[in-house]
N, C-alpha and C. Protein backbone atom coordinates (compact mmCIF):
# COMPACT_ATOMS: atom_id res chain seq x y z
N MET A 1 0.60 -1.24 -0.08
CA MET A 1 0.18 0.01 0.09
C MET A 1 0.63 1.37 0.05
N LYS A 2 2.03 1.28 0.81
CA LYS A 2 2.85 2.09 1.17
C LYS A 2 3.38 2.54 -0.78
N GLY A 3 3.42 1.64 -1.23
CA GLY A 3 4.31 1.59 -2.55
C GLY A 3 3.85 2.21 -3.51
N ASN A 4 2.33 1.95 -3.46
CA ASN A 4 1.07 2.75 -4.36
C ASN A 4 0.83 3.94 -4.18
N ILE A 5 0.99 4.34 -2.88
CA ILE A 5 0.74 5.74 -2.18
C ILE A 5 2.18 6.83 -2.71
N GLN A 6 3.54 6.53 -2.89
CA GLN A 6 4.31 6.76 -3.45
C GLN A 6 4.20 7.01 -4.97
N ARG A 7 4.03 6.11 -5.56
CA ARG A 7 3.97 5.60 -6.93
C ARG A 7 2.81 6.70 -7.58
N SER A 8 1.66 7.01 -6.90
CA SER A 8 0.60 7.83 -7.31
C SER A 8 0.96 9.71 -7.16
N ILE A 9 1.83 9.37 -5.92
CA ILE A 9 2.60 10.91 -5.96
C ILE A 9 3.31 11.19 -6.43
N MET A 10 4.22 10.03 -7.01
CA MET A 10 5.01 10.42 -8.37
C MET A 10 4.25 10.61 -9.61
N PHE A 11 3.34 9.95 -9.86
CA PHE A 11 2.87 10.63 -11.22
C PHE A 11 2.16 11.43 -11.17
N ILE A 12 1.36 12.53 -10.14
CA ILE A 12 0.79 13.78 -10.02
C ILE A 12 1.88 14.63 -9.56
N LEU A 13 3.15 14.35 -9.37
CA LEU A 13 4.43 15.39 -9.82
C LEU A 13 4.84 15.35 -11.21
N GLY A 14 4.93 14.10 -11.38
CA GLY A 14 5.36 14.57 -13.02
C GLY A 14 4.32 15.18 -13.88
N GLY A 15 3.33 14.58 -13.76
CA GLY A 15 2.34 15.73 -14.59
C GLY A 15 2.29 17.35 -14.22
N VAL A 16 2.35 17.64 -12.74
CA VAL A 16 2.49 18.93 -12.66
C VAL A 16 3.73 19.43 -13.39
N VAL A 17 5.09 18.60 -13.30
CA VAL A 17 6.59 19.20 -14.14
C VAL A 17 6.11 19.19 -15.63
N GLY A 18 5.27 18.53 -15.86
CA GLY A 18 5.20 18.20 -17.40
C GLY A 18 4.39 19.62 -17.92
N LEU A 19 2.90 20.09 -16.91
CA LEU A 19 2.36 20.98 -17.61
C LEU A 19 3.20 22.28 -17.59
N VAL A 20 4.23 22.51 -16.35
CA VAL A 20 5.08 23.91 -16.16
C VAL A 20 6.26 23.76 -17.23
N ILE A 21 6.69 22.13 -17.86
CA ILE A 21 7.58 22.48 -19.31
C ILE A 21 6.57 23.02 -20.28
N VAL A 22 5.51 22.70 -20.38
CA VAL A 22 4.55 23.05 -21.56
C VAL A 22 4.00 24.33 -21.26
N SER A 23 3.74 24.97 -20.11
CA SER A 23 3.67 26.36 -20.10
C SER A 23 4.44 27.01 -20.44
N THR A 24 6.13 26.70 -19.83
CA THR A 24 7.46 27.16 -20.56
C THR A 24 7.67 27.63 -22.02
N LEU A 25 6.42 26.67 -22.24
CA LEU A 25 7.62 26.39 -23.81
C LEU A 25 6.66 26.90 -24.87
N LYS A 26 5.27 27.32 -24.09
CA LYS A 26 4.32 27.87 -25.32
C LYS A 26 4.01 29.27 -24.91
N ASP A 27 3.45 30.04 -25.86
CA ASP A 27 3.08 31.71 -25.51
C ASP A 27 1.81 31.66 -24.40
N GLU A 28 0.64 30.30 -24.33
CA GLU A 28 -0.32 30.70 -23.63
C GLU A 28 0.22 30.18 -22.45
N ASN A 29 -0.34 30.63 -21.22
CA ASN A 29 -0.33 29.74 -19.96
C ASN A 29 -0.86 28.59 -19.40
N TYR A 30 -1.03 27.63 -19.77
CA TYR A 30 -1.55 26.26 -19.33
C TYR A 30 -1.18 25.78 -17.74
N LEU A 31 -0.37 26.53 -17.13
CA LEU A 31 -0.76 26.28 -15.62
C LEU A 31 -1.78 26.98 -15.36
N THR A 32 -2.96 26.54 -14.83
CA THR A 32 -3.76 27.47 -14.14
C THR A 32 -4.21 25.93 -13.30
N TRP A 33 -5.14 26.51 -11.90
CA TRP A 33 -5.43 25.71 -11.40
C TRP A 33 -6.56 24.44 -11.42
N ASN A 34 -6.98 24.47 -12.60
CA ASN A 34 -7.67 24.12 -12.99
C ASN A 34 -7.02 22.81 -13.91
N THR A 35 -6.32 23.01 -14.25
CA THR A 35 -5.68 22.21 -15.02
C THR A 35 -4.60 21.40 -13.75
N ILE A 36 -4.07 21.73 -13.15
CA ILE A 36 -3.31 20.91 -11.94
C ILE A 36 -4.36 19.88 -11.43
N LEU A 37 -5.95 20.61 -11.02
CA LEU A 37 -6.80 19.85 -10.33
C LEU A 37 -7.30 19.10 -11.07
N SER A 38 -7.05 19.07 -12.60
CA SER A 38 -7.64 18.06 -13.33
C SER A 38 -6.59 16.89 -13.39
N VAL A 39 -5.39 17.28 -13.73
CA VAL A 39 -4.28 16.14 -13.59
C VAL A 39 -4.52 14.93 -12.15
N VAL A 40 -4.41 16.07 -10.82
CA VAL A 40 -4.58 15.29 -9.74
C VAL A 40 -5.57 14.41 -9.75
N ILE A 41 -7.25 15.06 -10.22
CA ILE A 41 -8.24 13.81 -10.27
C ILE A 41 -8.16 12.74 -11.23
N ILE A 42 -7.99 12.70 -11.92
CA ILE A 42 -7.22 12.39 -13.36
C ILE A 42 -6.07 11.05 -12.52
N THR A 43 -5.09 11.24 -12.11
CA THR A 43 -4.25 10.04 -11.55
C THR A 43 -4.82 9.56 -10.38
N ILE A 44 -5.44 10.32 -9.70
CA ILE A 44 -6.32 9.54 -8.38
C ILE A 44 -7.28 8.23 -9.05
N ILE A 45 -8.04 8.74 -9.89
CA ILE A 45 -9.00 8.17 -10.20
C ILE A 45 -7.98 6.69 -10.96
N GLY A 46 -7.75 7.10 -11.73
CA GLY A 46 -6.26 5.80 -12.58
C GLY A 46 -5.79 5.12 -11.65
N TRP A 47 -5.36 5.68 -10.30
CA TRP A 47 -4.25 4.91 -9.39
C TRP A 47 -5.30 4.48 -8.39
N PHE A 48 -6.81 4.50 -8.14
CA PHE A 48 -7.87 3.73 -7.56
C PHE A 48 -8.48 2.49 -8.66
N SER A 49 -8.59 2.83 -9.87
CA SER A 49 -9.02 1.81 -10.59
C SER A 49 -8.01 0.79 -11.21
N GLY A 50 -6.26 1.18 -11.08
CA GLY A 50 -5.74 0.00 -11.05
C GLY A 50 -5.15 -0.35 -9.98
N THR A 51 -5.19 -0.37 -9.07
CA THR A 51 -5.12 -0.86 -7.60
C THR A 51 -6.68 -1.88 -7.51
N LYS A 52 -7.63 -1.80 -7.75
CA LYS A 52 -8.90 -2.26 -7.54
C LYS A 52 -9.06 -3.58 -8.88
N ILE A 53 -8.41 -3.15 -9.95
CA ILE A 53 -8.57 -4.40 -10.93
C ILE A 53 -7.31 -5.55 -10.63
N LYS A 54 -6.06 -4.56 -10.23
CA LYS A 54 -4.77 -5.77 -9.97
C LYS A 54 -5.18 -6.72 -8.48
N ASN A 55 -6.19 -6.29 -7.57
CA ASN A 55 -6.48 -7.06 -6.58
C ASN A 55 -7.70 -7.91 -7.12
N LEU A 56 -7.92 -7.57 -7.89
CA LEU A 56 -9.35 -8.59 -8.80
C LEU A 56 -8.17 -9.66 -9.34
N LEU A 57 -7.20 -9.04 -9.93
CA LEU A 57 -6.73 -10.24 -10.93
C LEU A 57 -6.24 -11.46 -9.88
N LYS A 58 -5.55 -10.91 -8.97
CA LYS A 58 -4.69 -11.47 -7.98
C LYS A 58 -5.83 -12.36 -7.23
N LYS A 59 -6.94 -12.23 -6.96
CA LYS A 59 -7.69 -13.40 -6.75
C LYS A 59 -8.22 -14.54 -7.42
N ASP A 60 -8.00 -14.06 -8.88
CA ASP A 60 -8.22 -15.58 -9.49
C ASP A 60 -7.62 -16.62 -9.56
């Protein structure tokens, strides 16, 4: 469980770093609170569904 939480935190940080890089390379500013929140929500949903699928496959 601890490894899964660390992995999801790394995914979130990677997404935020990606947004920072894209916003510095483009003229428009992509780094807004809405985009950061979207990255966090998508990562949490992906992590939750991935762990549930992994647990279901382990039971079989």
